Amino acid sequence: LASSTLYFITGADALAGIETWYRYEEIVELAHL
């Protein structure tokens, strides 16, 4: 979906632990949280 902007949707509680996610720094480069 190269022509689309991605928005990754998750629970605020899950987002609170995002720094435990695998390669989390790259996630914000690919999608708006």
Full PDB file with SEQRES, HELIX, SHEET, SSBOND, CRYST1, ORIGX, SCALE, CONECT and MASTER records, all heavy atoms in Angstrom:
SEQRES   1 A   33  LEU ALA SER SER THR LEU TYR PHE ILE THR GLY ALA ASP          
SEQRES   2 A   33  ALA LEU ALA GLY ILE GLU THR TRP TYR ARG TYR GLU GLU          
SEQRES   3 A   33  ILE VAL GLU LEU ALA HIS LEU                                  
HELIX    1 AA1 ALA A   12  LEU A   15  1                                   4    
HELIX    2 AA2 ILE A   18  THR A   20  5                                   3    
HELIX    3 AA3 TYR A   24  LEU A   30  1                                   7    
CRYST1    1.000    1.000    1.000  90.00  90.00  90.00 P 1           1          
ORIGX1      1.000000  0.000000  0.000000        0.00000                         
ORIGX2      0.000000  1.000000  0.000000        0.00000                         
ORIGX3      0.000000  0.000000  1.000000        0.00000                         
SCALE1      1.000000  0.000000  0.000000        0.00000                         
SCALE2      0.000000  1.000000  0.000000        0.00000                         
SCALE3      0.000000  0.000000  1.000000        0.00000                         
ATOM      1  N   LEU A   1       0.844  -1.200   0.000  1.00  0.00           N  
ATOM      2  CA  LEU A   1       0.000   0.000   0.000  1.00  0.00           C  
ATOM      3  C   LEU A   1       0.882   1.254   0.000  1.00  0.00           C  
ATOM      4  O   LEU A   1       0.696   2.163   0.802  1.00  0.00           O  
ATOM      5  CB  LEU A   1      -0.904  -0.003   1.230  1.00  0.00           C  
ATOM      6  CG  LEU A   1      -1.772  -1.247   1.424  1.00  0.00           C  
ATOM      7  CD1 LEU A   1      -2.409  -1.260   2.804  1.00  0.00           C  
ATOM      8  CD2 LEU A   1      -2.842  -1.315   0.342  1.00  0.00           C  
ATOM      9  N   ALA A   2       1.803   1.297  -0.927  1.00  0.00           N  
ATOM     10  CA  ALA A   2       2.793   2.380  -0.952  1.00  0.00           C  
ATOM     11  C   ALA A   2       2.170   3.760  -1.100  1.00  0.00           C  
ATOM     12  O   ALA A   2       2.745   4.756  -0.668  1.00  0.00           O  
ATOM     13  CB  ALA A   2       3.791   2.132  -2.075  1.00  0.00           C  
ATOM     14  N   SER A   3       0.979   3.837  -1.684  1.00  0.00           N  
ATOM     15  CA  SER A   3       0.342   5.143  -1.900  1.00  0.00           C  
ATOM     16  C   SER A   3      -0.506   5.583  -0.708  1.00  0.00           C  
ATOM     17  O   SER A   3      -1.111   6.656  -0.747  1.00  0.00           O  
ATOM     18  CB  SER A   3      -0.533   5.095  -3.158  1.00  0.00           C  
ATOM     19  OG  SER A   3      -1.586   4.144  -2.998  1.00  0.00           O  
ATOM     20  N   SER A   4      -0.561   4.777   0.343  1.00  0.00           N  
ATOM     21  CA  SER A   4      -1.407   5.073   1.498  1.00  0.00           C  
ATOM     22  C   SER A   4      -0.575   5.386   2.737  1.00  0.00           C  
ATOM     23  O   SER A   4       0.522   4.863   2.909  1.00  0.00           O  
ATOM     24  CB  SER A   4      -2.322   3.881   1.819  1.00  0.00           C  
ATOM     25  OG  SER A   4      -3.176   3.595   0.730  1.00  0.00           O  
ATOM     26  N   THR A   5      -1.113   6.235   3.597  1.00  0.00           N  
ATOM     27  CA  THR A   5      -0.533   6.486   4.908  1.00  0.00           C  
ATOM     28  C   THR A   5      -1.157   5.490   5.877  1.00  0.00           C  
ATOM     29  O   THR A   5      -2.379   5.345   5.919  1.00  0.00           O  
ATOM     30  CB  THR A   5      -0.833   7.919   5.385  1.00  0.00           C  
ATOM     31  OG1 THR A   5      -0.294   8.839   4.437  1.00  0.00           O  
ATOM     32  CG2 THR A   5      -0.215   8.182   6.750  1.00  0.00           C  
ATOM     33  N   LEU A   6      -0.319   4.795   6.639  1.00  0.00           N  
ATOM     34  CA  LEU A   6      -0.829   3.773   7.554  1.00  0.00           C  
ATOM     35  C   LEU A   6      -0.976   4.324   8.967  1.00  0.00           C  
ATOM     36  O   LEU A   6      -0.130   5.074   9.453  1.00  0.00           O  
ATOM     37  CB  LEU A   6       0.116   2.567   7.581  1.00  0.00           C  
ATOM     38  CG  LEU A   6       0.340   1.834   6.253  1.00  0.00           C  
ATOM     39  CD1 LEU A   6       1.292   0.659   6.465  1.00  0.00           C  
ATOM     40  CD2 LEU A   6      -0.980   1.355   5.659  1.00  0.00           C  
ATOM     41  N   TYR A   7      -2.061   3.925   9.621  1.00  0.00           N  
ATOM     42  CA  TYR A   7      -2.325   4.260  11.018  1.00  0.00           C  
ATOM     43  C   TYR A   7      -2.468   2.953  11.777  1.00  0.00           C  
ATOM     44  O   TYR A   7      -3.408   2.195  11.520  1.00  0.00           O  
ATOM     45  CB  TYR A   7      -3.615   5.077  11.143  1.00  0.00           C  
ATOM     46  CG  TYR A   7      -3.498   6.490  10.621  1.00  0.00           C  
ATOM     47  CD1 TYR A   7      -3.516   6.755   9.257  1.00  0.00           C  
ATOM     48  CD2 TYR A   7      -3.365   7.567  11.501  1.00  0.00           C  
ATOM     49  CE1 TYR A   7      -3.397   8.050   8.766  1.00  0.00           C  
ATOM     50  CE2 TYR A   7      -3.253   8.869  11.026  1.00  0.00           C  
ATOM     51  CZ  TYR A   7      -3.271   9.095   9.661  1.00  0.00           C  
ATOM     52  OH  TYR A   7      -3.154  10.386   9.190  1.00  0.00           O  
ATOM     53  N   PHE A   8      -1.544   2.683  12.690  1.00  0.00           N  
ATOM     54  CA  PHE A   8      -1.624   1.440  13.454  1.00  0.00           C  
ATOM     55  C   PHE A   8      -2.457   1.676  14.706  1.00  0.00           C  
ATOM     56  O   PHE A   8      -2.116   2.493  15.556  1.00  0.00           O  
ATOM     57  CB  PHE A   8      -0.234   0.927  13.833  1.00  0.00           C  
ATOM     58  CG  PHE A   8      -0.274  -0.379  14.565  1.00  0.00           C  
ATOM     59  CD1 PHE A   8      -0.571  -1.555  13.885  1.00  0.00           C  
ATOM     60  CD2 PHE A   8      -0.058  -0.449  15.930  1.00  0.00           C  
ATOM     61  CE1 PHE A   8      -0.637  -2.769  14.560  1.00  0.00           C  
ATOM     62  CE2 PHE A   8      -0.125  -1.644  16.611  1.00  0.00           C  
ATOM     63  CZ  PHE A   8      -0.421  -2.815  15.919  1.00  0.00           C  
ATOM     64  N   ILE A   9      -3.571   0.930  14.817  1.00  0.00           N  
ATOM     65  CA  ILE A   9      -4.543   1.125  15.893  1.00  0.00           C  
ATOM     66  C   ILE A   9      -4.366   0.039  16.949  1.00  0.00           C  
ATOM     67  O   ILE A   9      -4.380  -1.155  16.635  1.00  0.00           O  
ATOM     68  CB  ILE A   9      -5.987   1.055  15.335  1.00  0.00           C  
ATOM     69  CG1 ILE A   9      -6.170   2.050  14.178  1.00  0.00           C  
ATOM     70  CG2 ILE A   9      -7.009   1.304  16.439  1.00  0.00           C  
ATOM     71  CD1 ILE A   9      -7.434   1.799  13.342  1.00  0.00           C  
ATOM     72  N   THR A  10      -4.236   0.447  18.192  1.00  0.00           N  
ATOM     73  CA  THR A  10      -4.121  -0.516  19.289  1.00  0.00           C  
ATOM     74  C   THR A  10      -4.695   0.100  20.560  1.00  0.00           C  
ATOM     75  O   THR A  10      -4.994   1.296  20.592  1.00  0.00           O  
ATOM     76  CB  THR A  10      -2.648  -0.951  19.499  1.00  0.00           C  
ATOM     77  OG1 THR A  10      -2.594  -2.025  20.427  1.00  0.00           O  
ATOM     78  CG2 THR A  10      -1.805   0.208  20.004  1.00  0.00           C  
ATOM     79  N   GLY A  11      -4.864  -0.703  21.579  1.00  0.00           N  
ATOM     80  CA  GLY A  11      -5.378  -0.188  22.840  1.00  0.00           C  
ATOM     81  C   GLY A  11      -4.348   0.696  23.522  1.00  0.00           C  
ATOM     82  O   GLY A  11      -3.140   0.472  23.401  1.00  0.00           O  
ATOM     83  N   ALA A  12      -4.828   1.703  24.245  1.00  0.00           N  
ATOM     84  CA  ALA A  12      -3.917   2.587  24.975  1.00  0.00           C  
ATOM     85  C   ALA A  12      -3.095   1.798  25.981  1.00  0.00           C  
ATOM     86  O   ALA A  12      -1.926   2.115  26.234  1.00  0.00           O  
ATOM     87  CB  ALA A  12      -4.712   3.692  25.673  1.00  0.00           C  
ATOM     88  N   ASP A  13      -3.687   0.732  26.556  1.00  0.00           N  
ATOM     89  CA  ASP A  13      -2.945  -0.093  27.507  1.00  0.00           C  
ATOM     90  C   ASP A  13      -1.798  -0.838  26.818  1.00  0.00           C  
ATOM     91  O   ASP A  13      -0.703  -0.964  27.366  1.00  0.00           O  
ATOM     92  CB  ASP A  13      -3.878  -1.071  28.228  1.00  0.00           C  
ATOM     93  CG  ASP A  13      -4.708  -1.909  27.272  1.00  0.00           C  
ATOM     94  OD1 ASP A  13      -5.010  -1.431  26.159  1.00  0.00           O  
ATOM     95  OD2 ASP A  13      -5.074  -3.038  27.621  1.00  0.00           O  
ATOM     96  N   ALA A  14      -2.046  -1.315  25.601  1.00  0.00           N  
ATOM     97  CA  ALA A  14      -0.981  -1.979  24.842  1.00  0.00           C  
ATOM     98  C   ALA A  14       0.086  -0.977  24.433  1.00  0.00           C  
ATOM     99  O   ALA A  14       1.289  -1.270  24.469  1.00  0.00           O  
ATOM    100  CB  ALA A  14      -1.562  -2.669  23.612  1.00  0.00           C  
ATOM    101  N   LEU A  15      -0.354   0.215  24.064  1.00  0.00           N  
ATOM    102  CA  LEU A  15       0.587   1.247  23.644  1.00  0.00           C  
ATOM    103  C   LEU A  15       1.520   1.658  24.777  1.00  0.00           C  
ATOM    104  O   LEU A  15       2.674   2.030  24.556  1.00  0.00           O  
ATOM    105  CB  LEU A  15      -0.186   2.465  23.128  1.00  0.00           C  
ATOM    106  CG  LEU A  15       0.581   3.447  22.249  1.00  0.00           C  
ATOM    107  CD1 LEU A  15       1.158   2.747  21.028  1.00  0.00           C  
ATOM    108  CD2 LEU A  15      -0.333   4.581  21.817  1.00  0.00           C  
ATOM    109  N   ALA A  16       1.023   1.546  26.004  1.00  0.00           N  
ATOM    110  CA  ALA A  16       1.854   1.896  27.165  1.00  0.00           C  
ATOM    111  C   ALA A  16       3.079   0.994  27.264  1.00  0.00           C  
ATOM    112  O   ALA A  16       4.096   1.373  27.840  1.00  0.00           O  
ATOM    113  CB  ALA A  16       1.025   1.797  28.446  1.00  0.00           C  
ATOM    114  N   GLY A  17       2.986  -0.199  26.684  1.00  0.00           N  
ATOM    115  CA  GLY A  17       4.119  -1.121  26.727  1.00  0.00           C  
ATOM    116  C   GLY A  17       4.837  -1.261  25.404  1.00  0.00           C  
ATOM    117  O   GLY A  17       5.545  -2.251  25.187  1.00  0.00           O  
ATOM    118  N   ILE A  18       4.673  -0.286  24.528  1.00  0.00           N  
ATOM    119  CA  ILE A  18       5.211  -0.433  23.166  1.00  0.00           C  
ATOM    120  C   ILE A  18       6.727  -0.573  23.149  1.00  0.00           C  
ATOM    121  O   ILE A  18       7.296  -1.189  22.251  1.00  0.00           O  
ATOM    122  CB  ILE A  18       4.765   0.739  22.262  1.00  0.00           C  
ATOM    123  CG1 ILE A  18       5.064   0.402  20.793  1.00  0.00           C  
ATOM    124  CG2 ILE A  18       5.418   2.040  22.688  1.00  0.00           C  
ATOM    125  CD1 ILE A  18       4.476   1.355  19.797  1.00  0.00           C  
ATOM    126  N   GLU A  19       7.401  -0.053  24.154  1.00  0.00           N  
ATOM    127  CA  GLU A  19       8.857  -0.137  24.143  1.00  0.00           C  
ATOM    128  C   GLU A  19       9.363  -1.554  24.430  1.00  0.00           C  
ATOM    129  O   GLU A  19      10.565  -1.802  24.369  1.00  0.00           O  
ATOM    130  CB  GLU A  19       9.445   0.887  25.107  1.00  0.00           C  
ATOM    131  CG  GLU A  19       9.187   2.318  24.631  1.00  0.00           C  
ATOM    132  CD  GLU A  19       9.842   3.379  25.489  1.00  0.00           C  
ATOM    133  OE1 GLU A  19      10.608   3.030  26.400  1.00  0.00           O  
ATOM    134  OE2 GLU A  19       9.576   4.563  25.237  1.00  0.00           O  
ATOM    135  N   THR A  20       8.443  -2.471  24.709  1.00  0.00           N  
ATOM    136  CA  THR A  20       8.817  -3.887  24.847  1.00  0.00           C  
ATOM    137  C   THR A  20       8.609  -4.637  23.529  1.00  0.00           C  
ATOM    138  O   THR A  20       8.961  -5.809  23.433  1.00  0.00           O  
ATOM    139  CB  THR A  20       7.987  -4.587  25.943  1.00  0.00           C  
ATOM    140  OG1 THR A  20       6.603  -4.670  25.516  1.00  0.00           O  
ATOM    141  CG2 THR A  20       8.073  -3.831  27.258  1.00  0.00           C  
ATOM    142  N   TRP A  21       8.032  -3.966  22.540  1.00  0.00           N  
ATOM    143  CA  TRP A  21       7.743  -4.617  21.258  1.00  0.00           C  
ATOM    144  C   TRP A  21       9.023  -4.797  20.462  1.00  0.00           C  
ATOM    145  O   TRP A  21       9.960  -3.996  20.543  1.00  0.00           O  
ATOM    146  CB  TRP A  21       6.741  -3.806  20.441  1.00  0.00           C  
ATOM    147  CG  TRP A  21       5.382  -3.698  21.041  1.00  0.00           C  
ATOM    148  CD1 TRP A  21       5.001  -3.998  22.317  1.00  0.00           C  
ATOM    149  CD2 TRP A  21       4.208  -3.197  20.395  1.00  0.00           C  
ATOM    150  NE1 TRP A  21       3.666  -3.739  22.492  1.00  0.00           N  
ATOM    151  CE2 TRP A  21       3.155  -3.248  21.333  1.00  0.00           C  
ATOM    152  CE3 TRP A  21       3.945  -2.723  19.116  1.00  0.00           C  
ATOM    153  CZ2 TRP A  21       1.856  -2.841  21.034  1.00  0.00           C  
ATOM    154  CZ3 TRP A  21       2.659  -2.313  18.805  1.00  0.00           C  
ATOM    155  CH2 TRP A  21       1.628  -2.378  19.755  1.00  0.00           C  
ATOM    156  N   TYR A  22       9.027  -5.815  19.639  1.00  0.00           N  
ATOM    157  CA  TYR A  22      10.167  -6.120  18.774  1.00  0.00           C  
ATOM    158  C   TYR A  22      10.396  -4.991  17.776  1.00  0.00           C  
ATOM    159  O   TYR A  22       9.489  -4.618  17.050  1.00  0.00           O  
ATOM    160  CB  TYR A  22       9.890  -7.451  18.059  1.00  0.00           C  
ATOM    161  CG  TYR A  22      10.966  -7.926  17.128  1.00  0.00           C  
ATOM    162  CD1 TYR A  22      12.241  -8.244  17.608  1.00  0.00           C  
ATOM    163  CD2 TYR A  22      10.708  -8.074  15.768  1.00  0.00           C  
ATOM    164  CE1 TYR A  22      13.228  -8.711  16.747  1.00  0.00           C  
ATOM    165  CE2 TYR A  22      11.688  -8.541  14.897  1.00  0.00           C  
ATOM    166  CZ  TYR A  22      12.942  -8.841  15.390  1.00  0.00           C  
ATOM    167  OH  TYR A  22      13.917  -9.296  14.546  1.00  0.00           O  
ATOM    168  N   ARG A  23      11.596  -4.419  17.758  1.00  0.00           N  
ATOM    169  CA  ARG A  23      11.990  -3.326  16.842  1.00  0.00           C  
ATOM    170  C   ARG A  23      10.962  -2.193  16.849  1.00  0.00           C  
ATOM    171  O   ARG A  23      10.560  -1.688  15.810  1.00  0.00           O  
ATOM    172  CB  ARG A  23      12.194  -3.882  15.439  1.00  0.00           C  
ATOM    173  CG  ARG A  23      13.451  -4.742  15.339  1.00  0.00           C  
ATOM    174  CD  ARG A  23      13.463  -5.662  14.145  1.00  0.00           C  
ATOM    175  NE  ARG A  23      13.265  -4.950  12.899  1.00  0.00           N  
ATOM    176  CZ  ARG A  23      12.992  -5.571  11.743  1.00  0.00           C  
ATOM    177  NH1 ARG A  23      12.860  -6.891  11.707  1.00  0.00           N  
ATOM    178  NH2 ARG A  23      12.831  -4.878  10.639  1.00  0.00           N  
ATOM    179  N   TYR A  24      10.562  -1.807  18.063  1.00  0.00           N  
ATOM    180  CA  TYR A  24       9.496  -0.809  18.190  1.00  0.00           C  
ATOM    181  C   TYR A  24       9.861   0.539  17.586  1.00  0.00           C  
ATOM    182  O   TYR A  24       8.989   1.277  17.125  1.00  0.00           O  
ATOM    183  CB  TYR A  24       9.106  -0.627  19.664  1.00  0.00           C  
ATOM    184  CG  TYR A  24      10.120   0.131  20.501  1.00  0.00           C  
ATOM    185  CD1 TYR A  24      10.031   1.507  20.622  1.00  0.00           C  
ATOM    186  CD2 TYR A  24      11.151  -0.536  21.149  1.00  0.00           C  
ATOM    187  CE1 TYR A  24      10.971   2.204  21.380  1.00  0.00           C  
ATOM    188  CE2 TYR A  24      12.074   0.150  21.910  1.00  0.00           C  
ATOM    189  CZ  TYR A  24      11.981   1.525  22.022  1.00  0.00           C  
ATOM    190  OH  TYR A  24      12.902   2.216  22.753  1.00  0.00           O  
ATOM    191  N   GLU A  25      11.169   0.874  17.548  1.00  0.00           N  
ATOM    192  CA  GLU A  25      11.566   2.171  17.007  1.00  0.00           C  
ATOM    193  C   GLU A  25      11.184   2.315  15.539  1.00  0.00           C  
ATOM    194  O   GLU A  25      10.893   3.418  15.062  1.00  0.00           O  
ATOM    195  CB  GLU A  25      13.081   2.383  17.141  1.00  0.00           C  
ATOM    196  CG  GLU A  25      13.605   2.246  18.557  1.00  0.00           C  
ATOM    197  CD  GLU A  25      14.148   0.853  18.824  1.00  0.00           C  
ATOM    198  OE1 GLU A  25      13.658  -0.111  18.195  1.00  0.00           O  
ATOM    199  OE2 GLU A  25      15.052   0.739  19.671  1.00  0.00           O  
ATOM    200  N   GLU A  26      11.169   1.185  14.809  1.00  0.00           N  
ATOM    201  CA  GLU A  26      10.848   1.225  13.380  1.00  0.00           C  
ATOM    202  C   GLU A  26       9.351   1.351  13.126  1.00  0.00           C  
ATOM    203  O   GLU A  26       8.941   1.784  12.040  1.00  0.00           O  
ATOM    204  CB  GLU A  26      11.371  -0.034  12.693  1.00  0.00           C  
ATOM    205  CG  GLU A  26      12.882  -0.188  12.745  1.00  0.00           C  
ATOM    206  CD  GLU A  26      13.325  -1.505  12.145  1.00  0.00           C  
ATOM    207  OE1 GLU A  26      12.852  -1.842  11.032  1.00  0.00           O  
ATOM    208  OE2 GLU A  26      14.122  -2.219  12.782  1.00  0.00           O  
ATOM    209  N   ILE A  27       8.547   0.957  14.106  1.00  0.00           N  
ATOM    210  CA  ILE A  27       7.096   0.986  13.906  1.00  0.00           C  
ATOM    211  C   ILE A  27       6.621   2.399  13.614  1.00  0.00           C  
ATOM    212  O   ILE A  27       5.816   2.629  12.704  1.00  0.00           O  
ATOM    213  CB  ILE A  27       6.373   0.395  15.135  1.00  0.00           C  
ATOM    214  CG1 ILE A  27       6.659  -1.107  15.240  1.00  0.00           C  
ATOM    215  CG2 ILE A  27       4.867   0.652  15.056  1.00  0.00           C  
ATOM    216  CD1 ILE A  27       6.101  -1.767  16.488  1.00  0.00           C  
ATOM    217  N   VAL A  28       7.136   3.376  14.366  1.00  0.00           N  
ATOM    218  CA  VAL A  28       6.691   4.760  14.167  1.00  0.00           C  
ATOM    219  C   VAL A  28       7.189   5.343  12.854  1.00  0.00           C  
ATOM    220  O   VAL A  28       6.681   6.367  12.399  1.00  0.00           O  
ATOM    221  CB  VAL A  28       7.123   5.661  15.342  1.00  0.00           C  
ATOM    222  CG1 VAL A  28       6.410   5.237  16.611  1.00  0.00           C  
ATOM    223  CG2 VAL A  28       8.631   5.623  15.541  1.00  0.00           C  
ATOM    224  N   GLU A  29       8.168   4.701  12.235  1.00  0.00           N  
ATOM    225  CA  GLU A  29       8.635   5.163  10.933  1.00  0.00           C  
ATOM    226  C   GLU A  29       7.705   4.700   9.815  1.00  0.00           C  
ATOM    227  O   GLU A  29       7.645   5.321   8.757  1.00  0.00           O  
ATOM    228  CB  GLU A  29      10.052   4.652  10.672  1.00  0.00           C  
ATOM    229  CG  GLU A  29      11.090   5.178  11.660  1.00  0.00           C  
ATOM    230  CD  GLU A  29      12.447   4.547  11.456  1.00  0.00           C  
ATOM    231  OE1 GLU A  29      12.620   3.806  10.458  1.00  0.00           O  
ATOM    232  OE2 GLU A  29      13.339   4.781  12.283  1.00  0.00           O  
ATOM    233  N   LEU A  30       6.975   3.623  10.072  1.00  0.00           N  
ATOM    234  CA  LEU A  30       6.105   3.052   9.045  1.00  0.00           C  
ATOM    235  C   LEU A  30       4.641   3.444   9.199  1.00  0.00           C  
ATOM    236  O   LEU A  30       3.886   3.408   8.231  1.00  0.00           O  
ATOM    237  CB  LEU A  30       6.209   1.522   9.062  1.00  0.00           C  
ATOM    238  CG  LEU A  30       7.553   0.945   8.636  1.00  0.00           C  
ATOM    239  CD1 LEU A  30       7.578  -0.562   8.869  1.00  0.00           C  
ATOM    240  CD2 LEU A  30       7.830   1.260   7.173  1.00  0.00           C  
ATOM    241  N   ALA A  31       4.233   3.792  10.412  1.00  0.00           N  
ATOM    242  CA  ALA A  31       2.813   4.082  10.643  1.00  0.00           C  
ATOM    243  C   ALA A  31       2.646   5.089  11.768  1.00  0.00           C  
ATOM    244  O   ALA A  31       3.460   5.132  12.699  1.00  0.00           O  
ATOM    245  CB  ALA A  31       2.055   2.793  10.983  1.00  0.00           C  
ATOM    246  N   HIS A  32       1.582   5.872  11.685  1.00  0.00           N  
ATOM    247  CA  HIS A  32       1.181   6.721  12.803  1.00  0.00           C  
ATOM    248  C   HIS A  32       0.538   5.818  13.852  1.00  0.00           C  
ATOM    249  O   HIS A  32      -0.265   4.947  13.513  1.00  0.00           O  
ATOM    250  CB  HIS A  32       0.171   7.775  12.342  1.00  0.00           C  
ATOM    251  CG  HIS A  32       0.726   8.758  11.364  1.00  0.00           C  
ATOM    252  ND1 HIS A  32       1.561   9.791  11.723  1.00  0.00           N  
ATOM    253  CD2 HIS A  32       0.568   8.863  10.027  1.00  0.00           C  
ATOM    254  CE1 HIS A  32       1.884  10.484  10.659  1.00  0.00           C  
ATOM    255  NE2 HIS A  32       1.298   9.945   9.606  1.00  0.00           N  
ATOM    256  N   LEU A  33       0.868   6.020  15.111  1.00  0.00           N  
ATOM    257  CA  LEU A  33       0.279   5.221  16.175  1.00  0.00           C  
ATOM    258  C   LEU A  33      -1.021   5.852  16.650  1.00  0.00           C  
ATOM    259  O   LEU A  33      -1.091   7.068  16.853  1.00  0.00           O  
ATOM    260  CB  LEU A  33       1.235   5.109  17.358  1.00  0.00           C  
ATOM    261  CG  LEU A  33       2.570   4.412  17.097  1.00  0.00           C  
ATOM    262  CD1 LEU A  33       3.418   4.429  18.356  1.00  0.00           C  
ATOM    263  CD2 LEU A  33       2.355   2.989  16.614  1.00  0.00           C  
TER     264      LEU A  33                                                      
MASTER        0    0    0    3    0    0    0    6  263    1    0    3          
END                                                                             
